């Protein structure tokens, strides 16, 4: 990976999300929204829900329908210009259809599917090169190559899930915006869904958790957003996260390994510390 990419300030910050780990957290999230908007508690708020991809966030900037700049997330305020590398991704359109807004900034996640990752590691091993620890590391290293031919040879994919700067809004809801992205040639997650209340969010979360190992790519939870954009605008942001969105995380992944041996280490004061030697396992 190269450190020689030009630094560029995002026109709109790429913020992180607050986290929920339980149904109670979601109920509290909804209560805060109802209170902020001064809406009665019996009112059902519609949310969009989609898998939270474990990849590398990127921003695609289009002017007059042409892809002119692509940035990594960086620290959320400043990213790196990786335009030429992003152009090599099949999921990134170079031109958009007629009728799109003059300025369009699409944001999403660059990732590597499990099958593609295994194939890449076999190729690396056959060539005597270092293999990657996981698909996310492979995607990150592939995006930050000065030689675009290396990036082009890597099986990277892109899911579009939000936007930054837009000269005009072609939709009034999150779901309408996602439909626009799909019509413009971007790949939208097939498990994107609009849910009518928190109970529906939980059911969708449980469904995805059960199918998690069969999706073919890494996710670490679900992302929920209020579907109405006017309410998103009213809610705004707090600190470094939006009030209108939250990430519902899955339980920490667990794996079983084997205790191979126990070493006793001697500290400088003579204290003896047992150190477990475990069979290597990837989590």
C-alpha atoms as a PDB file:
ATOM      1  CA  UNK A   1       0.000   0.000   0.000  1.00  0.00           C
ATOM      2  CA  UNK A   2       1.182   3.495  -0.844  1.00  0.00           C
ATOM      3  CA  UNK A   3       1.175   6.635   1.307  1.00  0.00           C
ATOM      4  CA  UNK A   4       1.612   8.898  -1.715  1.00  0.00           C
ATOM      5  CA  UNK A   5      -2.043   9.657  -2.433  1.00  0.00           C
ATOM      6  CA  UNK A   6      -3.213  13.266  -2.455  1.00  0.00           C
ATOM      7  CA  UNK A   7      -5.224  14.342   0.597  1.00  0.00           C
ATOM      8  CA  UNK A   8      -8.622  15.914  -0.154  1.00  0.00           C
ATOM      9  CA  UNK A   9     -11.141  17.430   2.275  1.00  0.00           C
ATOM     10  CA  UNK A  10     -14.644  15.992   2.018  1.00  0.00           C
ATOM     11  CA  UNK A  11     -17.253  18.605   1.101  1.00  0.00           C
ATOM     12  CA  UNK A  12     -19.609  16.843   3.516  1.00  0.00           C
ATOM     13  CA  UNK A  13     -18.026  14.912   6.387  1.00  0.00           C
ATOM     14  CA  UNK A  14     -18.222  11.109   6.275  1.00  0.00           C
ATOM     15  CA  UNK A  15     -19.389  10.492   9.837  1.00  0.00           C
ATOM     16  CA  UNK A  16     -19.571   7.320  11.884  1.00  0.00           C
ATOM     17  CA  UNK A  17     -22.710   5.789  13.443  1.00  0.00           C
ATOM     18  CA  UNK A  18     -23.879   5.201  16.975  1.00  0.00           C
ATOM     19  CA  UNK A  19     -24.268   1.552  17.994  1.00  0.00           C
ATOM     20  CA  UNK A  20     -27.132  -0.562  19.312  1.00  0.00           C
ATOM     21  CA  UNK A  21     -26.535  -4.003  20.802  1.00  0.00           C
ATOM     22  CA  UNK A  22     -30.010  -4.994  22.004  1.00  0.00           C
ATOM     23  CA  UNK A  23     -33.720  -4.513  21.417  1.00  0.00           C
ATOM     24  CA  UNK A  24     -33.768  -2.136  24.401  1.00  0.00           C
ATOM     25  CA  UNK A  25     -31.158   0.040  22.678  1.00  0.00           C
ATOM     26  CA  UNK A  26     -33.406   0.229  19.606  1.00  0.00           C
ATOM     27  CA  UNK A  27     -36.449   1.151  21.672  1.00  0.00           C
ATOM     28  CA  UNK A  28     -34.456   3.959  23.315  1.00  0.00           C
ATOM     29  CA  UNK A  29     -33.243   5.080  19.874  1.00  0.00           C
ATOM     30  CA  UNK A  30     -36.843   5.316  18.671  1.00  0.00           C
ATOM     31  CA  UNK A  31     -37.964   7.130  21.848  1.00  0.00           C
ATOM     32  CA  UNK A  32     -35.290   9.800  21.393  1.00  0.00           C
ATOM     33  CA  UNK A  33     -36.430  10.333  17.802  1.00  0.00           C
ATOM     34  CA  UNK A  34     -40.097  10.610  18.829  1.00  0.00           C
ATOM     35  CA  UNK A  35     -39.232  13.080  21.584  1.00  0.00           C
ATOM     36  CA  UNK A  36     -37.026  15.186  19.313  1.00  0.00           C
ATOM     37  CA  UNK A  37     -39.672  15.339  16.584  1.00  0.00           C
ATOM     38  CA  UNK A  38     -42.446  15.798  19.164  1.00  0.00           C
ATOM     39  CA  UNK A  39     -44.387  12.834  17.774  1.00  0.00           C
ATOM     40  CA  UNK A  40     -46.800  10.711  19.830  1.00  0.00           C
ATOM     41  CA  UNK A  41     -45.357   7.407  21.042  1.00  0.00           C
ATOM     42  CA  UNK A  42     -48.012   5.294  19.276  1.00  0.00           C
ATOM     43  CA  UNK A  43     -46.883   6.615  15.874  1.00  0.00           C
ATOM     44  CA  UNK A  44     -44.922   4.091  13.813  1.00  0.00           C
ATOM     45  CA  UNK A  45     -41.776   5.492  12.203  1.00  0.00           C
ATOM     46  CA  UNK A  46     -40.636   3.772   9.021  1.00  0.00           C
ATOM     47  CA  UNK A  47     -36.956   2.856   8.880  1.00  0.00           C
ATOM     48  CA  UNK A  48     -34.747   1.596   6.089  1.00  0.00           C
ATOM     49  CA  UNK A  49     -32.565  -1.374   7.022  1.00  0.00           C
ATOM     50  CA  UNK A  50     -29.595  -2.929   5.255  1.00  0.00           C
ATOM     51  CA  UNK A  51     -26.522  -5.045   6.134  1.00  0.00           C
ATOM     52  CA  UNK A  52     -23.507  -3.154   7.460  1.00  0.00           C
ATOM     53  CA  UNK A  53     -20.724  -4.218   5.090  1.00  0.00           C
ATOM     54  CA  UNK A  54     -17.309  -4.795   6.654  1.00  0.00           C
ATOM     55  CA  UNK A  55     -15.249  -3.091   3.970  1.00  0.00           C
ATOM     56  CA  UNK A  56     -13.663   0.237   3.066  1.00  0.00           C
ATOM     57  CA  UNK A  57     -15.844   3.348   2.773  1.00  0.00           C
ATOM     58  CA  UNK A  58     -15.447   5.419  -0.389  1.00  0.00           C
ATOM     59  CA  UNK A  59     -17.031   8.472  -1.986  1.00  0.00           C
ATOM     60  CA  UNK A  60     -17.692   8.860  -5.737  1.00  0.00           C
ATOM     61  CA  UNK A  61     -18.116  12.397  -7.112  1.00  0.00           C
ATOM     62  CA  UNK A  62     -19.908  12.936 -10.441  1.00  0.00           C
ATOM     63  CA  UNK A  63     -20.227  16.192 -12.368  1.00  0.00           C
ATOM     64  CA  UNK A  64     -22.576  16.433 -15.356  1.00  0.00           C
ATOM     65  CA  UNK A  65     -22.943  12.662 -15.240  1.00  0.00           C
ATOM     66  CA  UNK A  66     -19.194  11.900 -15.372  1.00  0.00           C
ATOM     67  CA  UNK A  67     -17.124  10.327 -12.601  1.00  0.00           C
ATOM     68  CA  UNK A  68     -14.479  12.934 -11.780  1.00  0.00           C
ATOM     69  CA  UNK A  69     -13.140  12.054  -8.324  1.00  0.00           C
ATOM     70  CA  UNK A  70     -13.137   9.197  -5.838  1.00  0.00           C
ATOM     71  CA  UNK A  71     -12.014   9.495  -2.218  1.00  0.00           C
ATOM     72  CA  UNK A  72     -11.395   7.134   0.648  1.00  0.00           C
ATOM     73  CA  UNK A  73     -13.102   7.950   3.951  1.00  0.00           C
ATOM     74  CA  UNK A  74      -9.837   8.728   5.746  1.00  0.00           C
ATOM     75  CA  UNK A  75     -10.618  10.294   9.121  1.00  0.00           C
ATOM     76  CA  UNK A  76     -14.089  11.354   7.983  1.00  0.00           C
ATOM     77  CA  UNK A  77     -13.004  14.934   7.310  1.00  0.00           C
ATOM     78  CA  UNK A  78     -10.084  14.336   4.907  1.00  0.00           C
ATOM     79  CA  UNK A  79      -9.672  11.367   2.573  1.00  0.00           C
ATOM     80  CA  UNK A  80      -7.235  10.211  -0.095  1.00  0.00           C
ATOM     81  CA  UNK A  81      -7.742  10.664  -3.832  1.00  0.00           C
ATOM     82  CA  UNK A  82      -8.032   7.110  -5.181  1.00  0.00           C
ATOM     83  CA  UNK A  83      -9.979   8.047  -8.324  1.00  0.00           C
ATOM     84  CA  UNK A  84      -8.014   5.954 -10.818  1.00  0.00           C
ATOM     85  CA  UNK A  85      -8.186   2.859  -8.619  1.00  0.00           C
ATOM     86  CA  UNK A  86     -11.948   3.194  -8.094  1.00  0.00           C
ATOM     87  CA  UNK A  87     -12.425   3.465 -11.863  1.00  0.00           C
ATOM     88  CA  UNK A  88     -11.244  -0.149 -12.165  1.00  0.00           C
ATOM     89  CA  UNK A  89     -14.248  -1.462 -10.183  1.00  0.00           C
ATOM     90  CA  UNK A  90     -17.047  -2.892 -12.329  1.00  0.00           C
ATOM     91  CA  UNK A  91     -19.637  -1.675  -9.796  1.00  0.00           C
ATOM     92  CA  UNK A  92     -18.513   1.946 -10.244  1.00  0.00           C
ATOM     93  CA  UNK A  93     -20.171   3.564 -13.322  1.00  0.00           C
ATOM     94  CA  UNK A  94     -17.914   5.975 -15.206  1.00  0.00           C
ATOM     95  CA  UNK A  95     -20.937   7.828 -16.621  1.00  0.00           C
ATOM     96  CA  UNK A  96     -24.485   8.165 -15.306  1.00  0.00           C
ATOM     97  CA  UNK A  97     -27.714   8.171 -17.358  1.00  0.00           C
ATOM     98  CA  UNK A  98     -29.187  11.390 -18.708  1.00  0.00           C
ATOM     99  CA  UNK A  99     -31.410  13.309 -16.330  1.00  0.00           C
ATOM    100  CA  UNK A 100     -29.337  12.859 -13.175  1.00  0.00           C
ATOM    101  CA  UNK A 101     -28.547  15.960 -11.056  1.00  0.00           C
ATOM    102  CA  UNK A 102     -25.547  18.058 -12.176  1.00  0.00           C
ATOM    103  CA  UNK A 103     -23.657  17.198  -8.974  1.00  0.00           C
ATOM    104  CA  UNK A 104     -23.941  13.684  -7.549  1.00  0.00           C
ATOM    105  CA  UNK A 105     -21.821  12.254  -4.738  1.00  0.00           C
ATOM    106  CA  UNK A 106     -22.442   8.562  -4.070  1.00  0.00           C
ATOM    107  CA  UNK A 107     -21.037   6.920  -0.953  1.00  0.00           C
ATOM    108  CA  UNK A 108     -20.701   3.247  -0.239  1.00  0.00           C
ATOM    109  CA  UNK A 109     -18.465   0.364   0.725  1.00  0.00           C
ATOM    110  CA  UNK A 110     -15.707  -1.336  -1.244  1.00  0.00           C
ATOM    111  CA  UNK A 111     -15.444  -5.000  -0.267  1.00  0.00           C
ATOM    112  CA  UNK A 112     -14.259  -8.412  -1.406  1.00  0.00           C
ATOM    113  CA  UNK A 113     -16.528 -11.458  -1.541  1.00  0.00           C
ATOM    114  CA  UNK A 114     -15.460 -14.614   0.312  1.00  0.00           C
ATOM    115  CA  UNK A 115     -14.979 -16.735  -2.832  1.00  0.00           C
ATOM    116  CA  UNK A 116     -12.932 -14.005  -4.520  1.00  0.00           C
ATOM    117  CA  UNK A 117     -10.826 -13.579  -1.387  1.00  0.00           C
ATOM    118  CA  UNK A 118      -9.986 -17.293  -1.244  1.00  0.00           C
ATOM    119  CA  UNK A 119      -9.077 -17.291  -4.941  1.00  0.00           C
ATOM    120  CA  UNK A 120      -6.838 -14.243  -4.475  1.00  0.00           C
ATOM    121  CA  UNK A 121      -5.023 -15.832  -1.522  1.00  0.00           C
ATOM    122  CA  UNK A 122      -4.423 -19.025  -3.509  1.00  0.00           C
ATOM    123  CA  UNK A 123      -2.941 -16.942  -6.328  1.00  0.00           C
ATOM    124  CA  UNK A 124      -0.759 -15.027  -3.856  1.00  0.00           C
ATOM    125  CA  UNK A 125       0.446 -18.275  -2.280  1.00  0.00           C
ATOM    126  CA  UNK A 126       1.175 -19.892  -5.665  1.00  0.00           C
ATOM    127  CA  UNK A 127       3.346 -16.883  -6.569  1.00  0.00           C
ATOM    128  CA  UNK A 128       5.188 -17.034  -3.256  1.00  0.00           C
ATOM    129  CA  UNK A 129       3.652 -13.762  -2.097  1.00  0.00           C
ATOM    130  CA  UNK A 130       2.181 -12.849   1.271  1.00  0.00           C
ATOM    131  CA  UNK A 131      -1.481 -13.809   1.738  1.00  0.00           C
ATOM    132  CA  UNK A 132      -4.105 -11.516   3.255  1.00  0.00           C
ATOM    133  CA  UNK A 133      -5.525 -11.976   6.756  1.00  0.00           C
ATOM    134  CA  UNK A 134      -9.137 -11.225   5.798  1.00  0.00           C
ATOM    135  CA  UNK A 135     -11.241  -9.749   2.968  1.00  0.00           C
ATOM    136  CA  UNK A 136     -11.277  -6.258   4.513  1.00  0.00           C
ATOM    137  CA  UNK A 137      -7.473  -6.091   4.644  1.00  0.00           C
ATOM    138  CA  UNK A 138      -7.312  -7.385   1.086  1.00  0.00           C
ATOM    139  CA  UNK A 139      -9.744  -4.683  -0.100  1.00  0.00           C
ATOM    140  CA  UNK A 140      -7.865  -1.929   1.752  1.00  0.00           C
ATOM    141  CA  UNK A 141      -4.477  -2.968   0.384  1.00  0.00           C
ATOM    142  CA  UNK A 142      -5.853  -3.347  -3.140  1.00  0.00           C
ATOM    143  CA  UNK A 143      -7.384   0.146  -3.161  1.00  0.00           C
ATOM    144  CA  UNK A 144      -4.197   1.871  -2.020  1.00  0.00           C
ATOM    145  CA  UNK A 145      -1.876   0.813  -4.829  1.00  0.00           C
ATOM    146  CA  UNK A 146      -0.111   3.409  -6.967  1.00  0.00           C
ATOM    147  CA  UNK A 147      -0.167   0.912  -9.840  1.00  0.00           C
ATOM    148  CA  UNK A 148      -3.822   0.790 -10.936  1.00  0.00           C
ATOM    149  CA  UNK A 149      -3.135  -2.474 -12.789  1.00  0.00           C
ATOM    150  CA  UNK A 150      -2.761  -4.189  -9.399  1.00  0.00           C
ATOM    151  CA  UNK A 151      -6.090  -2.785  -8.222  1.00  0.00           C
ATOM    152  CA  UNK A 152      -7.730  -3.789 -11.513  1.00  0.00           C
ATOM    153  CA  UNK A 153      -6.498  -7.370 -11.037  1.00  0.00           C
ATOM    154  CA  UNK A 154      -8.199  -7.617  -7.632  1.00  0.00           C
ATOM    155  CA  UNK A 155     -11.866  -8.702  -7.423  1.00  0.00           C
ATOM    156  CA  UNK A 156     -13.234  -5.607  -5.633  1.00  0.00           C
ATOM    157  CA  UNK A 157     -16.937  -4.772  -5.452  1.00  0.00           C
ATOM    158  CA  UNK A 158     -18.963  -1.751  -4.338  1.00  0.00           C
ATOM    159  CA  UNK A 159     -22.320  -1.336  -2.587  1.00  0.00           C
ATOM    160  CA  UNK A 160     -23.877   2.161  -2.733  1.00  0.00           C
ATOM    161  CA  UNK A 161     -25.800   3.127   0.414  1.00  0.00           C
ATOM    162  CA  UNK A 162     -25.871   6.915   0.846  1.00  0.00           C
ATOM    163  CA  UNK A 163     -24.850  10.251  -0.644  1.00  0.00           C
ATOM    164  CA  UNK A 164     -22.892  13.391   0.115  1.00  0.00           C
ATOM    165  CA  UNK A 165     -23.215  16.540  -1.994  1.00  0.00           C
ATOM    166  CA  UNK A 166     -26.219  16.617  -4.340  1.00  0.00           C
ATOM    167  CA  UNK A 167     -27.240  19.592  -6.506  1.00  0.00           C
ATOM    168  CA  UNK A 168     -30.853  18.394  -6.203  1.00  0.00           C
ATOM    169  CA  UNK A 169     -32.596  15.543  -4.438  1.00  0.00           C
ATOM    170  CA  UNK A 170     -34.385  13.093  -6.772  1.00  0.00           C
ATOM    171  CA  UNK A 171     -36.263  11.442  -3.879  1.00  0.00           C
ATOM    172  CA  UNK A 172     -38.053  12.289  -0.621  1.00  0.00           C
ATOM    173  CA  UNK A 173     -37.096   9.125   1.288  1.00  0.00           C
ATOM    174  CA  UNK A 174     -34.054   6.934   1.824  1.00  0.00           C
ATOM    175  CA  UNK A 175     -35.756   4.131  -0.094  1.00  0.00           C
ATOM    176  CA  UNK A 176     -36.530   6.392  -3.060  1.00  0.00           C
ATOM    177  CA  UNK A 177     -32.895   7.508  -3.161  1.00  0.00           C
ATOM    178  CA  UNK A 178     -31.728   3.887  -3.167  1.00  0.00           C
ATOM    179  CA  UNK A 179     -34.106   3.156  -6.056  1.00  0.00           C
ATOM    180  CA  UNK A 180     -32.482   6.061  -7.928  1.00  0.00           C
ATOM    181  CA  UNK A 181     -29.001   4.647  -7.271  1.00  0.00           C
ATOM    182  CA  UNK A 182     -30.135   1.310  -8.667  1.00  0.00           C
ATOM    183  CA  UNK A 183     -31.588   2.986 -11.767  1.00  0.00           C
ATOM    184  CA  UNK A 184     -28.339   4.929 -12.265  1.00  0.00           C
ATOM    185  CA  UNK A 185     -26.308   1.712 -12.464  1.00  0.00           C
ATOM    186  CA  UNK A 186     -25.020   1.325  -8.917  1.00  0.00           C
ATOM    187  CA  UNK A 187     -25.271  -1.911  -6.959  1.00  0.00           C
ATOM    188  CA  UNK A 188     -27.637  -1.634  -3.986  1.00  0.00           C
ATOM    189  CA  UNK A 189     -27.708  -4.355  -1.355  1.00  0.00           C
ATOM    190  CA  UNK A 190     -30.468  -6.881  -2.186  1.00  0.00           C
ATOM    191  CA  UNK A 191     -31.352  -7.109   1.518  1.00  0.00           C
ATOM    192  CA  UNK A 192     -32.219  -3.398   1.734  1.00  0.00           C
ATOM    193  CA  UNK A 193     -35.718  -3.182   3.205  1.00  0.00           C
ATOM    194  CA  UNK A 194     -38.147  -0.623   4.618  1.00  0.00           C
ATOM    195  CA  UNK A 195     -39.503  -1.648   8.034  1.00  0.00           C
ATOM    196  CA  UNK A 196     -42.618  -0.116   9.591  1.00  0.00           C
ATOM    197  CA  UNK A 197     -41.463  -0.224  13.234  1.00  0.00           C
ATOM    198  CA  UNK A 198     -38.802  -1.481  15.676  1.00  0.00           C
ATOM    199  CA  UNK A 199     -40.356  -4.969  15.810  1.00  0.00           C
ATOM    200  CA  UNK A 200     -39.961  -5.282  12.048  1.00  0.00           C
ATOM    201  CA  UNK A 201     -36.332  -4.093  12.354  1.00  0.00           C
ATOM    202  CA  UNK A 202     -35.620  -6.829  14.888  1.00  0.00           C
ATOM    203  CA  UNK A 203     -37.195  -9.503  12.701  1.00  0.00           C
ATOM    204  CA  UNK A 204     -35.107  -8.384   9.722  1.00  0.00           C
ATOM    205  CA  UNK A 205     -31.991  -8.328  11.925  1.00  0.00           C
ATOM    206  CA  UNK A 206     -32.668 -11.900  13.087  1.00  0.00           C
ATOM    207  CA  UNK A 207     -33.260 -13.061   9.510  1.00  0.00           C
ATOM    208  CA  UNK A 208     -29.950 -11.579   8.325  1.00  0.00           C
ATOM    209  CA  UNK A 209     -28.058 -12.946  11.341  1.00  0.00           C
ATOM    210  CA  UNK A 210     -29.310 -16.452  10.526  1.00  0.00           C
ATOM    211  CA  UNK A 211     -28.239 -16.052   6.882  1.00  0.00           C
ATOM    212  CA  UNK A 212     -25.026 -14.174   7.693  1.00  0.00           C
ATOM    213  CA  UNK A 213     -22.680 -17.039   6.844  1.00  0.00           C
ATOM    214  CA  UNK A 214     -24.408 -17.562   3.479  1.00  0.00           C
ATOM    215  CA  UNK A 215     -24.314 -13.957   2.220  1.00  0.00           C
ATOM    216  CA  UNK A 216     -20.889 -14.418   0.640  1.00  0.00           C
ATOM    217  CA  UNK A 217     -19.321 -11.292   2.179  1.00  0.00           C
ATOM    218  CA  UNK A 218     -18.517  -9.973   5.657  1.00  0.00           C
ATOM    219  CA  UNK A 219     -20.989  -7.900   7.634  1.00  0.00           C
ATOM    220  CA  UNK A 220     -20.929  -6.909  11.299  1.00  0.00           C
ATOM    221  CA  UNK A 221     -24.512  -5.776  11.821  1.00  0.00           C
ATOM    222  CA  UNK A 222     -27.382  -3.828  10.282  1.00  0.00           C
ATOM    223  CA  UNK A 223     -27.774  -0.107   9.621  1.00  0.00           C
ATOM    224  CA  UNK A 224     -31.130   1.566  10.282  1.00  0.00           C
ATOM    225  CA  UNK A 225     -32.105   5.019   9.013  1.00  0.00           C
ATOM    226  CA  UNK A 226     -35.315   7.002   9.257  1.00  0.00           C
ATOM    227  CA  UNK A 227     -36.815   6.688   5.785  1.00  0.00           C
ATOM    228  CA  UNK A 228     -38.214  10.225   5.509  1.00  0.00           C
ATOM    229  CA  UNK A 229     -35.506  12.691   4.461  1.00  0.00           C
ATOM    230  CA  UNK A 230     -37.319  15.718   5.894  1.00  0.00           C
ATOM    231  CA  UNK A 231     -37.189  14.063   9.317  1.00  0.00           C
ATOM    232  CA  UNK A 232     -33.521  13.213   8.803  1.00  0.00           C
ATOM    233  CA  UNK A 233     -32.928  16.903   8.142  1.00  0.00           C
ATOM    234  CA  UNK A 234     -34.837  17.989  11.265  1.00  0.00           C
ATOM    235  CA  UNK A 235     -32.993  15.510  13.481  1.00  0.00           C
ATOM    236  CA  UNK A 236     -29.559  16.521  12.215  1.00  0.00           C
ATOM    237  CA  UNK A 237     -26.363  15.363  13.921  1.00  0.00           C
ATOM    238  CA  UNK A 238     -24.868  15.046  17.363  1.00  0.00           C
ATOM    239  CA  UNK A 239     -21.092  15.007  17.819  1.00  0.00           C
ATOM    240  CA  UNK A 240     -19.773  12.783  14.969  1.00  0.00           C
ATOM    241  CA  UNK A 241     -22.940  10.792  14.227  1.00  0.00           C
ATOM    242  CA  UNK A 242     -26.456  11.399  12.840  1.00  0.00           C
ATOM    243  CA  UNK A 243     -29.430  11.273  15.226  1.00  0.00           C
ATOM    244  CA  UNK A 244     -31.502   9.543  12.533  1.00  0.00           C
ATOM    245  CA  UNK A 245     -29.341   6.445  11.982  1.00  0.00           C
ATOM    246  CA  UNK A 246     -27.827   3.676  14.067  1.00  0.00           C
ATOM    247  CA  UNK A 247     -25.819   0.476  13.580  1.00  0.00           C
ATOM    248  CA  UNK A 248     -27.351  -2.628  15.187  1.00  0.00           C
ATOM    249  CA  UNK A 249     -24.329  -4.841  15.780  1.00  0.00           C
ATOM    250  CA  UNK A 250     -24.241  -8.628  15.813  1.00  0.00           C
ATOM    251  CA  UNK A 251     -22.845 -10.463  18.867  1.00  0.00           C
ATOM    252  CA  UNK A 252     -19.066 -10.841  18.833  1.00  0.00           C
ATOM    253  CA  UNK A 253     -17.934 -13.754  16.687  1.00  0.00           C
ATOM    254  CA  UNK A 254     -16.657 -16.761  18.652  1.00  0.00           C
ATOM    255  CA  UNK A 255     -14.395 -19.648  17.710  1.00  0.00           C
ATOM    256  CA  UNK A 256     -13.086 -22.761  19.466  1.00  0.00           C
ATOM    257  CA  UNK A 257      -9.379 -23.496  19.540  1.00  0.00           C
ATOM    258  CA  UNK A 258      -7.049 -25.907  21.328  1.00  0.00           C
ATOM    259  CA  UNK A 259      -4.656 -25.280  24.211  1.00  0.00           C
ATOM    260  CA  UNK A 260      -1.346 -26.688  22.924  1.00  0.00           C
ATOM    261  CA  UNK A 261       0.944 -25.830  25.826  1.00  0.00           C
ATOM    262  CA  UNK A 262       1.571 -23.480  28.734  1.00  0.00           C
ATOM    263  CA  UNK A 263       4.841 -21.556  29.016  1.00  0.00           C
ATOM    264  CA  UNK A 264       5.984 -19.975  32.256  1.00  0.00           C
ATOM    265  CA  UNK A 265       7.545 -16.553  31.773  1.00  0.00           C
ATOM    266  CA  UNK A 266       9.809 -15.066  34.441  1.00  0.00           C
ATOM    267  CA  UNK A 267       9.503 -11.331  35.033  1.00  0.00           C
ATOM    268  CA  UNK A 268      12.377  -9.076  36.114  1.00  0.00           C
ATOM    269  CA  UNK A 269      11.133  -9.237  39.740  1.00  0.00           C
ATOM    270  CA  UNK A 270      10.971 -13.020  39.630  1.00  0.00           C
ATOM    271  CA  UNK A 271       7.206 -13.186  39.175  1.00  0.00           C
ATOM    272  CA  UNK A 272       6.069 -16.249  37.194  1.00  0.00           C
ATOM    273  CA  UNK A 273       3.375 -15.705  34.562  1.00  0.00           C
ATOM    274  CA  UNK A 274       1.704 -18.593  32.739  1.00  0.00           C
ATOM    275  CA  UNK A 275       1.228 -17.947  28.992  1.00  0.00           C
ATOM    276  CA  UNK A 276      -1.164 -20.092  26.966  1.00  0.00           C
ATOM    277  CA  UNK A 277      -0.028 -21.359  23.570  1.00  0.00           C
ATOM    278  CA  UNK A 278      -3.135 -21.727  21.402  1.00  0.00           C
ATOM    279  CA  UNK A 279      -3.700 -23.338  18.045  1.00  0.00           C
ATOM    280  CA  UNK A 280      -4.085 -20.529  15.478  1.00  0.00           C
ATOM    281  CA  UNK A 281      -7.692 -19.684  14.618  1.00  0.00           C
ATOM    282  CA  UNK A 282      -9.127 -16.805  12.587  1.00  0.00           C
ATOM    283  CA  UNK A 283     -11.931 -14.744  14.156  1.00  0.00           C
END
